[in-house]
Amino acid sequence: MIALDSSVRASFSAANFSAANFSAANFSAANFSAVAISDSRILLPNSPFLFSHA
């Protein structure tokens, strides 16, 4: 059961945190700019979510 759970988690992680999702296109100067960094925020392109430390 634990091994299966770990396998599912591994597959989930691989699918969501792949090179295709976190590519140069997603983290380009336009999407992940100096303004966002200095604002202490991480914007996820094409996502309704905003993670902020402010």
PDB file of N, CA and C in Angstrom:
ATOM      1  N   MET A   1       0.833  -1.196   0.000  1.00  0.00           N
ATOM      2  CA  MET A   1       0.000   0.000   0.000  1.00  0.00           C
ATOM      3  C   MET A   1       0.872   1.252   0.000  1.00  0.00           C
ATOM      4  N   ILE A   2       1.884   1.246   0.822  1.00  0.00           N
ATOM      5  CA  ILE A   2       2.788   2.390   0.897  1.00  0.00           C
ATOM      6  C   ILE A   2       3.567   2.545  -0.413  1.00  0.00           C
ATOM      7  N   ALA A   3       4.009   1.424  -0.955  1.00  0.00           N
ATOM      8  CA  ALA A   3       4.768   1.459  -2.204  1.00  0.00           C
ATOM      9  C   ALA A   3       3.907   1.995  -3.349  1.00  0.00           C
ATOM     10  N   LEU A   4       2.657   1.568  -3.370  1.00  0.00           N
ATOM     11  CA  LEU A   4       1.737   2.037  -4.401  1.00  0.00           C
ATOM     12  C   LEU A   4       1.493   3.533  -4.259  1.00  0.00           C
ATOM     13  N   ASP A   5       1.292   3.969  -3.027  1.00  0.00           N
ATOM     14  CA  ASP A   5       1.076   5.388  -2.752  1.00  0.00           C
ATOM     15  C   ASP A   5       2.269   6.221  -3.208  1.00  0.00           C
ATOM     16  N   SER A   6       3.460   5.746  -2.915  1.00  0.00           N
ATOM     17  CA  SER A   6       4.679   6.440  -3.330  1.00  0.00           C
ATOM     18  C   SER A   6       4.789   6.494  -4.847  1.00  0.00           C
ATOM     19  N   SER A   7       4.398   5.408  -5.494  1.00  0.00           N
ATOM     20  CA  SER A   7       4.444   5.348  -6.951  1.00  0.00           C
ATOM     21  C   SER A   7       3.485   6.352  -7.575  1.00  0.00           C
ATOM     22  N   VAL A   8       2.300   6.438  -7.006  1.00  0.00           N
ATOM     23  CA  VAL A   8       1.312   7.396  -7.497  1.00  0.00           C
ATOM     24  C   VAL A   8       1.805   8.824  -7.306  1.00  0.00           C
ATOM     25  N   ARG A   9       2.392   9.082  -6.155  1.00  0.00           N
ATOM     26  CA  ARG A   9       2.937  10.419  -5.892  1.00  0.00           C
ATOM     27  C   ARG A   9       4.062  10.751  -6.867  1.00  0.00           C
ATOM     28  N   ALA A  10       4.898   9.778  -7.139  1.00  0.00           N
ATOM     29  CA  ALA A  10       6.009   9.988  -8.067  1.00  0.00           C
ATOM     30  C   ALA A  10       5.491  10.314  -9.464  1.00  0.00           C
ATOM     31  N   SER A  11       4.451   9.605  -9.882  1.00  0.00           N
ATOM     32  CA  SER A  11       3.863   9.856 -11.193  1.00  0.00           C
ATOM     33  C   SER A  11       3.219  11.234 -11.248  1.00  0.00           C
ATOM     34  N   PHE A  12       2.543  11.596 -10.181  1.00  0.00           N
ATOM     35  CA  PHE A  12       1.906  12.913 -10.091  1.00  0.00           C
ATOM     36  C   PHE A  12       2.945  14.015 -10.177  1.00  0.00           C
ATOM     37  N   SER A  13       4.024  13.858  -9.426  1.00  0.00           N
ATOM     38  CA  SER A  13       5.089  14.858  -9.423  1.00  0.00           C
ATOM     39  C   SER A  13       5.747  14.970 -10.793  1.00  0.00           C
ATOM     40  N   ALA A  14       6.024  13.831 -11.406  1.00  0.00           N
ATOM     41  CA  ALA A  14       6.675  13.835 -12.713  1.00  0.00           C
ATOM     42  C   ALA A  14       5.804  14.511 -13.768  1.00  0.00           C
ATOM     43  N   ALA A  15       4.508  14.297 -13.672  1.00  0.00           N
ATOM     44  CA  ALA A  15       3.592  14.875 -14.655  1.00  0.00           C
ATOM     45  C   ALA A  15       3.450  16.383 -14.476  1.00  0.00           C
ATOM     46  N   ASN A  16       3.440  16.834 -13.224  1.00  0.00           N
ATOM     47  CA  ASN A  16       3.167  18.242 -12.950  1.00  0.00           C
ATOM     48  C   ASN A  16       4.418  19.108 -12.890  1.00  0.00           C
ATOM     49  N   PHE A  17       5.532  18.525 -12.517  1.00  0.00           N
ATOM     50  CA  PHE A  17       6.772  19.289 -12.404  1.00  0.00           C
ATOM     51  C   PHE A  17       7.787  18.825 -13.445  1.00  0.00           C
ATOM     52  N   SER A  18       7.303  18.698 -14.664  1.00  0.00           N
ATOM     53  CA  SER A  18       8.158  18.244 -15.749  1.00  0.00           C
ATOM     54  C   SER A  18       8.816  19.418 -16.458  1.00  0.00           C
ATOM     55  N   ALA A  19       9.765  19.104 -17.312  1.00  0.00           N
ATOM     56  CA  ALA A  19      10.443  20.144 -18.084  1.00  0.00           C
ATOM     57  C   ALA A  19       9.459  20.893 -18.975  1.00  0.00           C
ATOM     58  N   ALA A  20       8.400  20.209 -19.389  1.00  0.00           N
ATOM     59  CA  ALA A  20       7.402  20.849 -20.253  1.00  0.00           C
ATOM     60  C   ALA A  20       6.644  21.948 -19.512  1.00  0.00           C
ATOM     61  N   ASN A  21       6.358  21.706 -18.236  1.00  0.00           N
ATOM     62  CA  ASN A  21       5.607  22.691 -17.459  1.00  0.00           C
ATOM     63  C   ASN A  21       6.497  23.823 -16.969  1.00  0.00           C
ATOM     64  N   PHE A  22       7.694  23.483 -16.522  1.00  0.00           N
ATOM     65  CA  PHE A  22       8.621  24.497 -16.019  1.00  0.00           C
ATOM     66  C   PHE A  22       9.715  24.740 -17.055  1.00  0.00           C
ATOM     67  N   SER A  23       9.276  25.181 -18.205  1.00  0.00           N
ATOM     68  CA  SER A  23      10.190  25.404 -19.317  1.00  0.00           C
ATOM     69  C   SER A  23      10.614  26.862 -19.400  1.00  0.00           C
ATOM     70  N   ALA A  24      11.534  27.128 -20.297  1.00  0.00           N
ATOM     71  CA  ALA A  24      11.992  28.499 -20.515  1.00  0.00           C
ATOM     72  C   ALA A  24      10.835  29.399 -20.944  1.00  0.00           C
ATOM     73  N   ALA A  25       9.860  28.820 -21.626  1.00  0.00           N
ATOM     74  CA  ALA A  25       8.712  29.607 -22.075  1.00  0.00           C
ATOM     75  C   ALA A  25       7.864  30.069 -20.899  1.00  0.00           C
ATOM     76  N   ASN A  26       7.698  29.201 -19.902  1.00  0.00           N
ATOM     77  CA  ASN A  26       6.894  29.564 -18.737  1.00  0.00           C
ATOM     78  C   ASN A  26       7.626  30.545 -17.835  1.00  0.00           C
ATOM     79  N   PHE A  27       8.919  30.309 -17.624  1.00  0.00           N
ATOM     80  CA  PHE A  27       9.699  31.189 -16.766  1.00  0.00           C
ATOM     81  C   PHE A  27      10.565  32.128 -17.598  1.00  0.00           C
ATOM     82  N   SER A  28       9.903  32.820 -18.505  1.00  0.00           N
ATOM     83  CA  SER A  28      10.592  33.794 -19.339  1.00  0.00           C
ATOM     84  C   SER A  28      10.627  35.144 -18.640  1.00  0.00           C
ATOM     85  N   ALA A  29      11.340  36.073 -19.223  1.00  0.00           N
ATOM     86  CA  ALA A  29      11.440  37.411 -18.644  1.00  0.00           C
ATOM     87  C   ALA A  29      10.063  38.064 -18.513  1.00  0.00           C
ATOM     88  N   ALA A  30       9.159  37.698 -19.404  1.00  0.00           N
ATOM     89  CA  ALA A  30       7.824  38.296 -19.381  1.00  0.00           C
ATOM     90  C   ALA A  30       6.986  37.785 -18.214  1.00  0.00           C
ATOM     91  N   ASN A  31       7.124  36.498 -17.895  1.00  0.00           N
ATOM     92  CA  ASN A  31       6.288  35.898 -16.859  1.00  0.00           C
ATOM     93  C   ASN A  31       6.895  35.964 -15.469  1.00  0.00           C
ATOM     94  N   PHE A  32       8.210  35.795 -15.391  1.00  0.00           N
ATOM     95  CA  PHE A  32       8.886  35.777 -14.094  1.00  0.00           C
ATOM     96  C   PHE A  32       9.884  36.921 -14.077  1.00  0.00           C
ATOM     97  N   SER A  33       9.349  38.129 -13.916  1.00  0.00           N
ATOM     98  CA  SER A  33      10.151  39.335 -14.102  1.00  0.00           C
ATOM     99  C   SER A  33      10.795  39.821 -12.824  1.00  0.00           C
ATOM    100  N   ALA A  34      11.683  40.786 -12.961  1.00  0.00           N
ATOM    101  CA  ALA A  34      12.344  41.392 -11.808  1.00  0.00           C
ATOM    102  C   ALA A  34      11.321  42.050 -10.884  1.00  0.00           C
ATOM    103  N   VAL A  35      10.246  42.542 -11.449  1.00  0.00           N
ATOM    104  CA  VAL A  35       9.184  43.157 -10.648  1.00  0.00           C
ATOM    105  C   VAL A  35       8.546  42.125  -9.733  1.00  0.00           C
ATOM    106  N   ALA A  36       8.257  40.950 -10.281  1.00  0.00           N
ATOM    107  CA  ALA A  36       7.649  39.879  -9.490  1.00  0.00           C
ATOM    108  C   ALA A  36       8.606  39.406  -8.403  1.00  0.00           C
ATOM    109  N   ILE A  37       9.884  39.320  -8.738  1.00  0.00           N
ATOM    110  CA  ILE A  37      10.886  38.876  -7.770  1.00  0.00           C
ATOM    111  C   ILE A  37      11.041  39.903  -6.650  1.00  0.00           C
ATOM    112  N   SER A  38      11.144  41.158  -6.991  1.00  0.00           N
ATOM    113  CA  SER A  38      11.316  42.202  -5.986  1.00  0.00           C
ATOM    114  C   SER A  38      10.051  42.372  -5.139  1.00  0.00           C
ATOM    115  N   ASP A  39       8.929  41.937  -5.700  1.00  0.00           N
ATOM    116  CA  ASP A  39       7.657  41.957  -4.992  1.00  0.00           C
ATOM    117  C   ASP A  39       7.498  40.729  -4.095  1.00  0.00           C
ATOM    118  N   SER A  40       8.489  39.837  -4.128  1.00  0.00           N
ATOM    119  CA  SER A  40       8.469  38.602  -3.358  1.00  0.00           C
ATOM    120  C   SER A  40       7.264  37.739  -3.709  1.00  0.00           C
ATOM    121  N   ARG A  41       6.933  37.709  -4.966  1.00  0.00           N
ATOM    122  CA  ARG A  41       5.801  36.909  -5.427  1.00  0.00           C
ATOM    123  C   ARG A  41       6.239  35.975  -6.535  1.00  0.00           C
ATOM    124  N   ILE A  42       5.571  34.828  -6.606  1.00  0.00           N
ATOM    125  CA  ILE A  42       5.798  33.888  -7.701  1.00  0.00           C
ATOM    126  C   ILE A  42       4.483  33.729  -8.452  1.00  0.00           C
ATOM    127  N   LEU A  43       4.457  34.194  -9.689  1.00  0.00           N
ATOM    128  CA  LEU A  43       3.275  34.056 -10.516  1.00  0.00           C
ATOM    129  C   LEU A  43       3.406  32.813 -11.384  1.00  0.00           C
ATOM    130  N   LEU A  44       2.372  31.993 -11.365  1.00  0.00           N
ATOM    131  CA  LEU A  44       2.362  30.821 -12.227  1.00  0.00           C
ATOM    132  C   LEU A  44       1.608  31.173 -13.504  1.00  0.00           C
ATOM    133  N   PRO A  45       2.299  31.161 -14.646  1.00  0.00           N
ATOM    134  CA  PRO A  45       1.671  31.500 -15.924  1.00  0.00           C
ATOM    135  C   PRO A  45       0.458  30.625 -16.200  1.00  0.00           C
ATOM    136  N   ASN A  46      -0.597  31.227 -16.733  1.00  0.00           N
ATOM    137  CA  ASN A  46      -1.819  30.504 -17.082  1.00  0.00           C
ATOM    138  C   ASN A  46      -2.437  29.819 -15.875  1.00  0.00           C
ATOM    139  N   SER A  47      -2.277  30.422 -14.709  1.00  0.00           N
ATOM    140  CA  SER A  47      -2.816  29.846 -13.483  1.00  0.00           C
ATOM    141  C   SER A  47      -3.524  30.926 -12.685  1.00  0.00           C
ATOM    142  N   PRO A  48      -4.642  30.581 -12.053  1.00  0.00           N
ATOM    143  CA  PRO A  48      -5.365  31.559 -11.240  1.00  0.00           C
ATOM    144  C   PRO A  48      -4.725  31.790  -9.879  1.00  0.00           C
ATOM    145  N   PHE A  49      -3.676  31.020  -9.586  1.00  0.00           N
ATOM    146  CA  PHE A  49      -3.088  31.074  -8.257  1.00  0.00           C
ATOM    147  C   PHE A  49      -1.917  32.042  -8.182  1.00  0.00           C
ATOM    148  N   LEU A  50      -1.851  32.756  -7.070  1.00  0.00           N
ATOM    149  CA  LEU A  50      -0.738  33.656  -6.801  1.00  0.00           C
ATOM    150  C   LEU A  50      -0.178  33.352  -5.426  1.00  0.00           C
ATOM    151  N   PHE A  51       1.112  33.024  -5.387  1.00  0.00           N
ATOM    152  CA  PHE A  51       1.753  32.743  -4.116  1.00  0.00           C
ATOM    153  C   PHE A  51       2.586  33.953  -3.724  1.00  0.00           C
ATOM    154  N   SER A  52       2.300  34.501  -2.574  1.00  0.00           N
ATOM    155  CA  SER A  52       2.978  35.714  -2.144  1.00  0.00           C
ATOM    156  C   SER A  52       3.487  35.583  -0.726  1.00  0.00           C
ATOM    157  N   HIS A  53       4.675  36.151  -0.482  1.00  0.00           N
ATOM    158  CA  HIS A  53       5.249  36.160   0.865  1.00  0.00           C
ATOM    159  C   HIS A  53       4.998  37.494   1.550  1.00  0.00           C
ATOM    160  N   ALA A  54       4.328  38.384   0.839  1.00  0.00           N
ATOM    161  CA  ALA A  54       4.147  39.748   1.338  1.00  0.00           C
ATOM    162  C   ALA A  54       3.130  39.825   2.469  1.00  0.00           C
TER     163      ALA A  54
END
